[in-house]
Amino acid sequence: MRTWFGVLVGVLVLAGCGKEEPQPNGMAREITIGVIAKSQSNPVFQAARVGAEDAARELSTERVRITIDWRTPNDEDAQQQANNLQSLVAAGVDGIAISCSDASMVTHAINDAVDKGVAVMCFDSDAPESQRFCYHGIDDVACGKAVMRELAKALGPKGGTIAILAGNQTAPNL
């Protein structure tokens, strides 16, 4: 969970957002990263929040303090994700990480954020047609093929009945 966060922080530092220059008042430079996961109720994203907050503490120094602005909807809601993207940009965050519930619903908001100079990356579920700078996650097609090969081996020549369970059907990773 911390890898995608480290990628985002690294890009922000390389882009100059996190230069360890002393502030005029002697205070630490602050980098704020907005995180928008799919839903508060999903244990995967609860772990992502803990990982992001832990990484922010670990990566902070006396000169640069990193904070997380967590803006995940209670339940999957792509329109709320788009609204939260706009709110984070208006709040002046330095970067945003998002796991898209529906790429078509958030692409415009991602592009608007990038056009306004905010670094945006996708994790877990991508918006490949957006201007995000990267996607951190698995190759879902390759993973699906590998799972089906292993399932076919386990079922053997007689086959069997299987069920495929997934979350939101509009999420590109499902």
N, C-alpha and C. Protein backbone atom coordinates (compact mmCIF):
# COMPACT_ATOMS: atom_id res chain seq x y z
N MET A 1 0.81 -1.20 0.00
CA MET A 1 0.00 0.00 0.00
C MET A 1 0.86 1.26 0.00
N ARG A 2 2.04 1.18 0.59
CA ARG A 2 2.86 2.37 0.69
C ARG A 2 3.58 2.70 -0.61
N THR A 3 3.71 1.73 -1.51
CA THR A 3 4.48 1.95 -2.73
C THR A 3 3.89 3.07 -3.57
N TRP A 4 2.57 3.03 -3.82
CA TRP A 4 1.96 4.07 -4.64
C TRP A 4 2.10 5.44 -3.99
N PHE A 5 2.03 5.47 -2.67
CA PHE A 5 2.18 6.74 -1.97
C PHE A 5 3.61 7.26 -2.14
N GLY A 6 4.58 6.37 -2.05
CA GLY A 6 5.97 6.77 -2.24
C GLY A 6 6.23 7.30 -3.64
N VAL A 7 5.56 6.69 -4.65
CA VAL A 7 5.69 7.16 -6.03
C VAL A 7 5.17 8.60 -6.13
N LEU A 8 4.00 8.85 -5.56
CA LEU A 8 3.43 10.19 -5.62
C LEU A 8 4.31 11.21 -4.91
N VAL A 9 4.78 10.89 -3.73
CA VAL A 9 5.65 11.81 -2.99
C VAL A 9 6.93 12.06 -3.77
N GLY A 10 7.51 11.01 -4.34
CA GLY A 10 8.74 11.17 -5.13
C GLY A 10 8.54 12.11 -6.30
N VAL A 11 7.44 11.98 -7.00
CA VAL A 11 7.16 12.86 -8.14
C VAL A 11 6.99 14.30 -7.67
N LEU A 12 6.30 14.49 -6.56
CA LEU A 12 6.11 15.84 -6.04
C LEU A 12 7.44 16.48 -5.66
N VAL A 13 8.31 15.70 -5.05
CA VAL A 13 9.62 16.23 -4.66
C VAL A 13 10.43 16.57 -5.90
N LEU A 14 10.43 15.67 -6.89
CA LEU A 14 11.17 15.93 -8.13
C LEU A 14 10.61 17.13 -8.87
N ALA A 15 9.31 17.35 -8.77
CA ALA A 15 8.68 18.48 -9.44
C ALA A 15 8.93 19.79 -8.71
N GLY A 16 9.53 19.71 -7.54
CA GLY A 16 9.85 20.93 -6.81
C GLY A 16 8.85 21.27 -5.73
N CYS A 17 7.79 20.48 -5.60
CA CYS A 17 6.79 20.78 -4.57
C CYS A 17 7.34 20.58 -3.17
N GLY A 18 8.31 19.69 -3.05
CA GLY A 18 8.81 19.36 -1.73
C GLY A 18 10.24 19.77 -1.50
N LYS A 19 10.69 20.83 -2.16
CA LYS A 19 12.07 21.27 -1.93
C LYS A 19 12.25 21.59 -0.46
N GLU A 20 13.32 21.09 0.08
CA GLU A 20 13.56 21.31 1.50
C GLU A 20 14.21 22.67 1.72
N GLU A 21 13.50 23.70 1.28
CA GLU A 21 13.98 25.06 1.49
C GLU A 21 13.33 25.59 2.76
N PRO A 22 14.08 26.31 3.56
CA PRO A 22 13.48 26.85 4.76
C PRO A 22 12.40 27.87 4.40
N GLN A 23 11.32 27.84 5.12
CA GLN A 23 10.24 28.80 4.92
C GLN A 23 10.63 30.11 5.61
N PRO A 24 10.10 31.22 5.14
CA PRO A 24 10.47 32.51 5.74
C PRO A 24 10.23 32.55 7.24
N ASN A 25 9.22 31.85 7.72
CA ASN A 25 8.90 31.87 9.15
C ASN A 25 9.60 30.77 9.93
N GLY A 26 10.49 30.02 9.25
CA GLY A 26 11.23 28.95 9.91
C GLY A 26 10.43 27.67 10.06
N MET A 27 9.19 27.66 9.57
CA MET A 27 8.34 26.48 9.68
C MET A 27 8.67 25.50 8.55
N ALA A 28 8.29 24.26 8.73
CA ALA A 28 8.51 23.24 7.72
C ALA A 28 7.60 23.48 6.52
N ARG A 29 8.09 23.14 5.34
CA ARG A 29 7.28 23.16 4.12
C ARG A 29 6.27 22.03 4.25
N GLU A 30 5.04 22.27 3.86
CA GLU A 30 4.01 21.24 3.98
C GLU A 30 3.58 20.76 2.60
N ILE A 31 3.54 19.46 2.43
CA ILE A 31 2.99 18.83 1.23
C ILE A 31 1.71 18.13 1.65
N THR A 32 0.62 18.47 0.98
CA THR A 32 -0.66 17.83 1.27
C THR A 32 -1.06 16.99 0.07
N ILE A 33 -1.36 15.73 0.35
CA ILE A 33 -1.77 14.79 -0.70
C ILE A 33 -3.19 14.33 -0.41
N GLY A 34 -4.05 14.56 -1.38
CA GLY A 34 -5.43 14.08 -1.28
C GLY A 34 -5.49 12.63 -1.72
N VAL A 35 -6.26 11.84 -1.01
CA VAL A 35 -6.44 10.44 -1.38
C VAL A 35 -7.93 10.16 -1.48
N ILE A 36 -8.32 9.61 -2.63
CA ILE A 36 -9.72 9.27 -2.87
C ILE A 36 -9.76 7.79 -3.25
N ALA A 37 -10.17 6.97 -2.32
CA ALA A 37 -10.34 5.54 -2.60
C ALA A 37 -11.79 5.32 -3.03
N LYS A 38 -12.17 4.06 -3.22
CA LYS A 38 -13.52 3.78 -3.69
C LYS A 38 -14.58 3.91 -2.61
N SER A 39 -14.32 3.34 -1.42
CA SER A 39 -15.33 3.42 -0.36
C SER A 39 -14.69 3.24 1.01
N GLN A 40 -15.25 3.95 1.97
CA GLN A 40 -14.77 3.87 3.35
C GLN A 40 -14.97 2.48 3.94
N SER A 41 -16.00 1.77 3.48
CA SER A 41 -16.37 0.49 4.10
C SER A 41 -15.52 -0.68 3.63
N ASN A 42 -14.73 -0.50 2.58
CA ASN A 42 -13.93 -1.59 2.03
C ASN A 42 -12.64 -1.75 2.84
N PRO A 43 -12.38 -2.94 3.41
CA PRO A 43 -11.17 -3.14 4.21
C PRO A 43 -9.87 -2.86 3.45
N VAL A 44 -9.86 -3.09 2.14
CA VAL A 44 -8.67 -2.80 1.34
C VAL A 44 -8.33 -1.32 1.44
N PHE A 45 -9.34 -0.48 1.36
CA PHE A 45 -9.10 0.96 1.39
C PHE A 45 -8.91 1.49 2.81
N GLN A 46 -9.45 0.78 3.79
CA GLN A 46 -9.13 1.13 5.18
C GLN A 46 -7.64 0.92 5.42
N ALA A 47 -7.10 -0.19 4.89
CA ALA A 47 -5.66 -0.46 5.00
C ALA A 47 -4.85 0.56 4.21
N ALA A 48 -5.36 0.97 3.04
CA ALA A 48 -4.67 1.98 2.24
C ALA A 48 -4.56 3.30 3.00
N ARG A 49 -5.60 3.64 3.73
CA ARG A 49 -5.56 4.89 4.50
C ARG A 49 -4.49 4.82 5.59
N VAL A 50 -4.48 3.71 6.32
CA VAL A 50 -3.48 3.54 7.37
C VAL A 50 -2.08 3.58 6.77
N GLY A 51 -1.89 2.89 5.64
CA GLY A 51 -0.58 2.87 4.99
C GLY A 51 -0.15 4.25 4.52
N ALA A 52 -1.08 5.01 3.94
CA ALA A 52 -0.75 6.37 3.47
C ALA A 52 -0.39 7.27 4.65
N GLU A 53 -1.15 7.19 5.72
CA GLU A 53 -0.88 8.04 6.89
C GLU A 53 0.44 7.64 7.56
N ASP A 54 0.71 6.33 7.63
CA ASP A 54 2.00 5.88 8.19
C ASP A 54 3.16 6.37 7.32
N ALA A 55 3.02 6.22 6.01
CA ALA A 55 4.09 6.65 5.10
C ALA A 55 4.30 8.15 5.18
N ALA A 56 3.24 8.91 5.32
CA ALA A 56 3.37 10.38 5.44
C ALA A 56 4.20 10.73 6.68
N ARG A 57 3.93 10.06 7.78
CA ARG A 57 4.71 10.30 9.00
C ARG A 57 6.18 9.90 8.80
N GLU A 58 6.40 8.74 8.20
CA GLU A 58 7.76 8.23 8.00
C GLU A 58 8.58 9.09 7.04
N LEU A 59 7.93 9.65 6.03
CA LEU A 59 8.63 10.44 5.02
C LEU A 59 8.79 11.91 5.41
N SER A 60 8.06 12.34 6.41
CA SER A 60 8.17 13.73 6.86
C SER A 60 9.52 13.95 7.53
N THR A 61 10.04 15.18 7.38
CA THR A 61 11.30 15.56 8.01
C THR A 61 11.07 16.87 8.76
N GLU A 62 12.15 17.39 9.35
CA GLU A 62 12.03 18.68 10.03
C GLU A 62 11.70 19.79 9.05
N ARG A 63 12.14 19.64 7.82
CA ARG A 63 11.94 20.69 6.82
C ARG A 63 10.71 20.50 5.95
N VAL A 64 10.23 19.26 5.82
CA VAL A 64 9.07 18.96 4.99
C VAL A 64 8.12 18.08 5.77
N ARG A 65 6.90 18.56 5.92
CA ARG A 65 5.88 17.78 6.61
C ARG A 65 4.84 17.35 5.57
N ILE A 66 4.54 16.05 5.54
CA ILE A 66 3.59 15.50 4.58
C ILE A 66 2.31 15.14 5.32
N THR A 67 1.19 15.57 4.78
CA THR A 67 -0.11 15.25 5.38
C THR A 67 -1.02 14.63 4.32
N ILE A 68 -1.97 13.86 4.80
CA ILE A 68 -2.97 13.21 3.95
C ILE A 68 -4.31 13.90 4.16
N ASP A 69 -4.98 14.21 3.07
CA ASP A 69 -6.36 14.72 3.11
C ASP A 69 -7.22 13.62 2.50
N TRP A 70 -7.82 12.79 3.34
CA TRP A 70 -8.57 11.60 2.92
C TRP A 70 -9.99 12.04 2.54
N ARG A 71 -10.39 11.81 1.29
CA ARG A 71 -11.71 12.24 0.80
C ARG A 71 -12.43 11.09 0.09
N THR A 72 -12.54 9.98 0.75
CA THR A 72 -13.16 8.79 0.18
C THR A 72 -14.64 8.75 0.54
N PRO A 73 -15.52 8.52 -0.46
CA PRO A 73 -16.96 8.41 -0.16
C PRO A 73 -17.24 7.22 0.76
N ASN A 74 -18.33 7.31 1.52
CA ASN A 74 -18.71 6.19 2.38
C ASN A 74 -18.98 4.93 1.57
N ASP A 75 -19.68 5.09 0.46
CA ASP A 75 -19.98 3.98 -0.45
C ASP A 75 -19.48 4.37 -1.83
N GLU A 76 -19.30 3.40 -2.71
CA GLU A 76 -18.81 3.72 -4.06
C GLU A 76 -19.75 4.71 -4.73
N ASP A 77 -19.16 5.81 -5.19
CA ASP A 77 -19.93 6.88 -5.82
C ASP A 77 -18.96 7.69 -6.68
N ALA A 78 -18.93 7.38 -7.99
CA ALA A 78 -17.99 8.03 -8.89
C ALA A 78 -18.23 9.54 -8.99
N GLN A 79 -19.48 9.96 -8.94
CA GLN A 79 -19.76 11.40 -8.99
C GLN A 79 -19.21 12.09 -7.75
N GLN A 80 -19.33 11.45 -6.60
CA GLN A 80 -18.75 12.02 -5.38
C GLN A 80 -17.22 12.05 -5.48
N GLN A 81 -16.62 11.04 -6.09
CA GLN A 81 -15.18 11.05 -6.30
C GLN A 81 -14.77 12.26 -7.15
N ALA A 82 -15.52 12.51 -8.23
CA ALA A 82 -15.23 13.67 -9.09
C ALA A 82 -15.37 14.97 -8.30
N ASN A 83 -16.43 15.07 -7.50
CA ASN A 83 -16.62 16.26 -6.67
C ASN A 83 -15.48 16.42 -5.67
N ASN A 84 -15.04 15.31 -5.08
CA ASN A 84 -13.94 15.36 -4.11
C ASN A 84 -12.63 15.78 -4.78
N LEU A 85 -12.41 15.35 -6.02
CA LEU A 85 -11.24 15.79 -6.78
C LEU A 85 -11.25 17.32 -6.90
N GLN A 86 -12.39 17.85 -7.29
CA GLN A 86 -12.51 19.31 -7.45
C GLN A 86 -12.30 20.02 -6.12
N SER A 87 -12.83 19.46 -5.04
CA SER A 87 -12.66 20.07 -3.71
C SER A 87 -11.19 20.06 -3.28
N LEU A 88 -10.50 18.98 -3.56
CA LEU A 88 -9.08 18.89 -3.20
C LEU A 88 -8.26 19.92 -3.98
N VAL A 89 -8.56 20.08 -5.26
CA VAL A 89 -7.86 21.09 -6.06
C VAL A 89 -8.12 22.47 -5.49
N ALA A 90 -9.38 22.76 -5.17
CA ALA A 90 -9.73 24.06 -4.60
C ALA A 90 -9.04 24.29 -3.25
N ALA A 91 -8.81 23.21 -2.51
CA ALA A 91 -8.13 23.31 -1.21
C ALA A 91 -6.63 23.51 -1.35
N GLY A 92 -6.10 23.36 -2.57
CA GLY A 92 -4.68 23.61 -2.80
C GLY A 92 -3.75 22.45 -2.51
N VAL A 93 -4.24 21.22 -2.64
CA VAL A 93 -3.36 20.08 -2.40
C VAL A 93 -2.24 20.04 -3.44
N ASP A 94 -1.16 19.37 -3.10
CA ASP A 94 -0.01 19.25 -4.01
C ASP A 94 -0.14 18.07 -4.96
N GLY A 95 -0.88 17.06 -4.57
CA GLY A 95 -1.07 15.89 -5.39
C GLY A 95 -2.29 15.11 -4.95
N ILE A 96 -2.77 14.25 -5.83
CA ILE A 96 -3.95 13.44 -5.54
C ILE A 96 -3.70 12.01 -6.02
N ALA A 97 -4.09 11.03 -5.19
CA ALA A 97 -4.10 9.63 -5.58
C ALA A 97 -5.55 9.16 -5.54
N ILE A 98 -6.00 8.49 -6.61
CA ILE A 98 -7.39 8.07 -6.69
C ILE A 98 -7.51 6.65 -7.23
N SER A 99 -8.43 5.88 -6.64
CA SER A 99 -8.83 4.58 -7.15
C SER A 99 -10.21 4.78 -7.74
N CYS A 100 -10.31 4.75 -9.05
CA CYS A 100 -11.52 5.17 -9.77
C CYS A 100 -12.63 4.12 -9.72
N SER A 101 -13.80 4.52 -9.24
CA SER A 101 -14.96 3.63 -9.28
C SER A 101 -15.50 3.52 -10.69
N ASP A 102 -15.43 4.61 -11.45
CA ASP A 102 -15.88 4.64 -12.84
C ASP A 102 -15.02 5.66 -13.57
N ALA A 103 -14.09 5.17 -14.38
CA ALA A 103 -13.13 6.05 -15.03
C ALA A 103 -13.81 7.15 -15.86
N SER A 104 -14.90 6.81 -16.53
CA SER A 104 -15.56 7.81 -17.38
C SER A 104 -16.12 8.96 -16.56
N MET A 105 -16.46 8.71 -15.32
CA MET A 105 -17.04 9.75 -14.47
C MET A 105 -15.99 10.67 -13.84
N VAL A 106 -14.75 10.21 -13.70
CA VAL A 106 -13.73 11.01 -13.03
C VAL A 106 -12.66 11.57 -13.97
N THR A 107 -12.64 11.12 -15.21
CA THR A 107 -11.58 11.55 -16.13
C THR A 107 -11.55 13.06 -16.31
N HIS A 108 -12.70 13.68 -16.50
CA HIS A 108 -12.73 15.14 -16.68
C HIS A 108 -12.17 15.86 -15.45
N ALA A 109 -12.54 15.40 -14.26
CA ALA A 109 -12.05 16.04 -13.01
C ALA A 109 -10.54 15.82 -12.85
N ILE A 110 -10.05 14.65 -13.25
CA ILE A 110 -8.61 14.39 -13.20
C ILE A 110 -7.89 15.35 -14.15
N ASN A 111 -8.39 15.46 -15.37
CA ASN A 111 -7.77 16.33 -16.37
C ASN A 111 -7.79 17.79 -15.91
N ASP A 112 -8.89 18.20 -15.30
CA ASP A 112 -8.99 19.57 -14.79
C ASP A 112 -7.95 19.81 -13.70
N ALA A 113 -7.77 18.83 -12.82
CA ALA A 113 -6.76 18.96 -11.75
C ALA A 113 -5.36 19.08 -12.35
N VAL A 114 -5.05 18.23 -13.32
CA VAL A 114 -3.73 18.26 -13.96
C VAL A 114 -3.53 19.61 -14.67
N ASP A 115 -4.56 20.09 -15.35
CA ASP A 115 -4.47 21.38 -16.04
C ASP A 115 -4.20 22.52 -15.06
N LYS A 116 -4.60 22.33 -13.82
CA LYS A 116 -4.37 23.35 -12.78
C LYS A 116 -3.07 23.12 -12.03
N GLY A 117 -2.26 22.18 -12.50
CA GLY A 117 -0.94 21.96 -11.93
C GLY A 117 -0.86 20.98 -10.78
N VAL A 118 -1.91 20.20 -10.55
CA VAL A 118 -1.91 19.21 -9.48
C VAL A 118 -1.52 17.85 -10.05
N ALA A 119 -0.52 17.21 -9.45
CA ALA A 119 -0.11 15.87 -9.87
C ALA A 119 -1.17 14.87 -9.45
N VAL A 120 -1.64 14.04 -10.39
CA VAL A 120 -2.66 13.03 -10.09
C VAL A 120 -2.17 11.67 -10.56
N MET A 121 -2.30 10.68 -9.68
CA MET A 121 -2.00 9.30 -10.05
C MET A 121 -3.20 8.43 -9.70
N CYS A 122 -3.33 7.32 -10.39
CA CYS A 122 -4.37 6.35 -10.09
C CYS A 122 -3.72 5.13 -9.45
N PHE A 123 -4.42 4.53 -8.49
CA PHE A 123 -3.96 3.28 -7.89
C PHE A 123 -5.13 2.34 -7.83
N ASP A 124 -4.87 1.07 -7.88
CA ASP A 124 -5.87 0.01 -7.80
C ASP A 124 -6.77 -0.05 -9.03
N SER A 125 -7.36 1.06 -9.43
CA SER A 125 -8.28 1.11 -10.56
C SER A 125 -7.99 2.39 -11.35
N ASP A 126 -7.73 2.23 -12.62
CA ASP A 126 -7.17 3.30 -13.46
C ASP A 126 -8.23 4.13 -14.18
N ALA A 127 -7.79 5.27 -14.68
CA ALA A 127 -8.52 6.10 -15.63
C ALA A 127 -7.56 6.31 -16.80
N PRO A 128 -7.41 5.29 -17.65
CA PRO A 128 -6.34 5.30 -18.66
C PRO A 128 -6.45 6.41 -19.70
N GLU A 129 -7.63 6.95 -19.90
CA GLU A 129 -7.79 8.03 -20.89
C GLU A 129 -7.56 9.41 -20.28
N SER A 130 -7.25 9.47 -19.00
CA SER A 130 -7.03 10.74 -18.33
C SER A 130 -5.58 11.19 -18.48
N GLN A 131 -5.29 12.36 -17.96
CA GLN A 131 -3.93 12.91 -17.99
C GLN A 131 -3.15 12.57 -16.71
N ARG A 132 -3.61 11.59 -15.94
CA ARG A 132 -2.88 11.20 -14.73
C ARG A 132 -1.45 10.84 -15.12
N PHE A 133 -0.50 11.02 -14.19
CA PHE A 133 0.89 10.78 -14.57
C PHE A 133 1.28 9.32 -14.49
N CYS A 134 0.55 8.50 -13.71
CA CYS A 134 0.86 7.07 -13.67
C CYS A 134 -0.29 6.30 -13.05
N TYR A 135 -0.22 5.01 -13.23
CA TYR A 135 -1.15 4.07 -12.61
C TYR A 135 -0.30 3.04 -11.87
N HIS A 136 -0.64 2.78 -10.62
CA HIS A 136 0.06 1.76 -9.85
C HIS A 136 -0.95 0.67 -9.51
N GLY A 137 -0.74 -0.50 -10.07
CA GLY A 137 -1.63 -1.62 -9.82
C GLY A 137 -1.18 -2.79 -10.67
N ILE A 138 -1.96 -3.84 -10.63
CA ILE A 138 -1.59 -5.03 -11.40
C ILE A 138 -2.15 -4.94 -12.81
N ASP A 139 -1.64 -5.78 -13.69
CA ASP A 139 -2.19 -5.93 -15.03
C ASP A 139 -3.39 -6.85 -14.87
N ASP A 140 -4.59 -6.26 -14.86
CA ASP A 140 -5.79 -7.03 -14.56
C ASP A 140 -6.08 -8.13 -15.58
N VAL A 141 -5.78 -7.88 -16.86
CA VAL A 141 -6.02 -8.89 -17.89
C VAL A 141 -5.08 -10.08 -17.69
N ALA A 142 -3.80 -9.79 -17.48
CA ALA A 142 -2.84 -10.88 -17.25
C ALA A 142 -3.18 -11.65 -15.98
N CYS A 143 -3.59 -10.93 -14.94
CA CYS A 143 -3.95 -11.59 -13.68
C CYS A 143 -5.18 -12.49 -13.88
N GLY A 144 -6.17 -11.99 -14.60
CA GLY A 144 -7.38 -12.78 -14.86
C GLY A 144 -7.06 -14.06 -15.63
N LYS A 145 -6.17 -13.94 -16.62
CA LYS A 145 -5.77 -15.13 -17.38
C LYS A 145 -5.06 -16.13 -16.49
N ALA A 146 -4.17 -15.64 -15.62
CA ALA A 146 -3.43 -16.54 -14.72
C ALA A 146 -4.38 -17.24 -13.75
N VAL A 147 -5.35 -16.51 -13.22
CA VAL A 147 -6.32 -17.10 -12.30
C VAL A 147 -7.13 -18.19 -13.01
N MET A 148 -7.57 -17.91 -14.22
CA MET A 148 -8.37 -18.90 -14.96
C MET A 148 -7.54 -20.13 -15.33
N ARG A 149 -6.26 -19.95 -15.68
CA ARG A 149 -5.39 -21.12 -15.96
C ARG A 149 -5.29 -22.00 -14.72
N GLU A 150 -5.05 -21.39 -13.57
CA GLU A 150 -4.91 -22.16 -12.33
C GLU A 150 -6.23 -22.81 -11.93
N LEU A 151 -7.35 -22.11 -12.15
CA LEU A 151 -8.65 -22.67 -11.85
C LEU A 151 -8.94 -23.88 -12.74
N ALA A 152 -8.59 -23.78 -14.02
CA ALA A 152 -8.80 -24.90 -14.94
C ALA A 152 -7.98 -26.11 -14.49
N LYS A 153 -6.74 -25.89 -14.04
CA LYS A 153 -5.92 -26.98 -13.53
C LYS A 153 -6.57 -27.62 -12.30
N ALA A 154 -7.07 -26.77 -11.40
CA ALA A 154 -7.67 -27.29 -10.16
C ALA A 154 -8.95 -28.07 -10.44
N LEU A 155 -9.74 -27.62 -11.42
CA LEU A 155 -11.00 -28.31 -11.72
C LEU A 155 -10.76 -29.60 -12.50
N GLY A 156 -9.69 -29.62 -13.27
CA GLY A 156 -9.39 -30.82 -14.05
C GLY A 156 -10.30 -30.96 -15.26
N PRO A 157 -10.21 -32.09 -15.94
CA PRO A 157 -10.95 -32.28 -17.20
C PRO A 157 -12.47 -32.35 -17.02
N LYS A 158 -12.93 -32.70 -15.83
CA LYS A 158 -14.38 -32.79 -15.61
C LYS A 158 -15.02 -31.41 -15.45
N GLY A 159 -14.21 -30.42 -15.14
CA GLY A 159 -14.75 -29.07 -14.98
C GLY A 159 -15.56 -28.93 -13.71
N GLY A 160 -16.40 -27.96 -13.68
CA GLY A 160 -17.22 -27.71 -12.51
C GLY A 160 -17.93 -26.37 -12.64
N THR A 161 -18.63 -26.01 -11.62
CA THR A 161 -19.35 -24.74 -11.60
C THR A 161 -18.56 -23.75 -10.77
N ILE A 162 -18.40 -22.55 -11.31
CA ILE A 162 -17.69 -21.50 -10.57
C ILE A 162 -18.55 -20.25 -10.53
N ALA A 163 -18.26 -19.40 -9.59
CA ALA A 163 -18.91 -18.09 -9.50
C ALA A 163 -17.80 -17.04 -9.46
N ILE A 164 -18.03 -15.93 -10.11
CA ILE A 164 -17.07 -14.84 -10.09
C ILE A 164 -17.73 -13.68 -9.35
N LEU A 165 -17.11 -13.29 -8.25
CA LEU A 165 -17.64 -12.21 -7.44
C LEU A 165 -16.79 -10.97 -7.65
N ALA A 166 -17.43 -9.85 -7.85
CA ALA A 166 -16.69 -8.61 -8.03
C ALA A 166 -17.52 -7.46 -7.47
N GLY A 167 -16.90 -6.34 -7.32
CA GLY A 167 -17.60 -5.15 -6.82
C GLY A 167 -18.29 -4.41 -7.95
N ASN A 168 -18.04 -3.13 -8.04
CA ASN A 168 -18.68 -2.24 -9.00
C ASN A 168 -18.28 -2.61 -10.43
N GLN A 169 -19.26 -2.94 -11.26
CA GLN A 169 -18.97 -3.39 -12.62
C GLN A 169 -18.40 -2.28 -13.50
N THR A 170 -18.53 -1.02 -13.12
CA THR A 170 -17.98 0.06 -13.94
C THR A 170 -16.52 0.33 -13.64
N ALA A 171 -15.98 -0.27 -12.57
CA ALA A 171 -14.56 -0.08 -12.24
C ALA A 171 -13.72 -0.85 -13.24
N PRO A 172 -12.74 -0.18 -13.86
CA PRO A 172 -11.96 -0.86 -14.90
C PRO A 172 -11.16 -2.06 -14.42
N ASN A 173 -10.88 -2.14 -13.12
CA ASN A 173 -10.10 -3.29 -12.64
C ASN A 173 -10.99 -4.48 -12.28
N LEU A 174 -12.27 -4.36 -12.46
CA LEU A 174 -13.17 -5.47 -12.13
C LEU A 174 -13.86 -5.99 -13.38
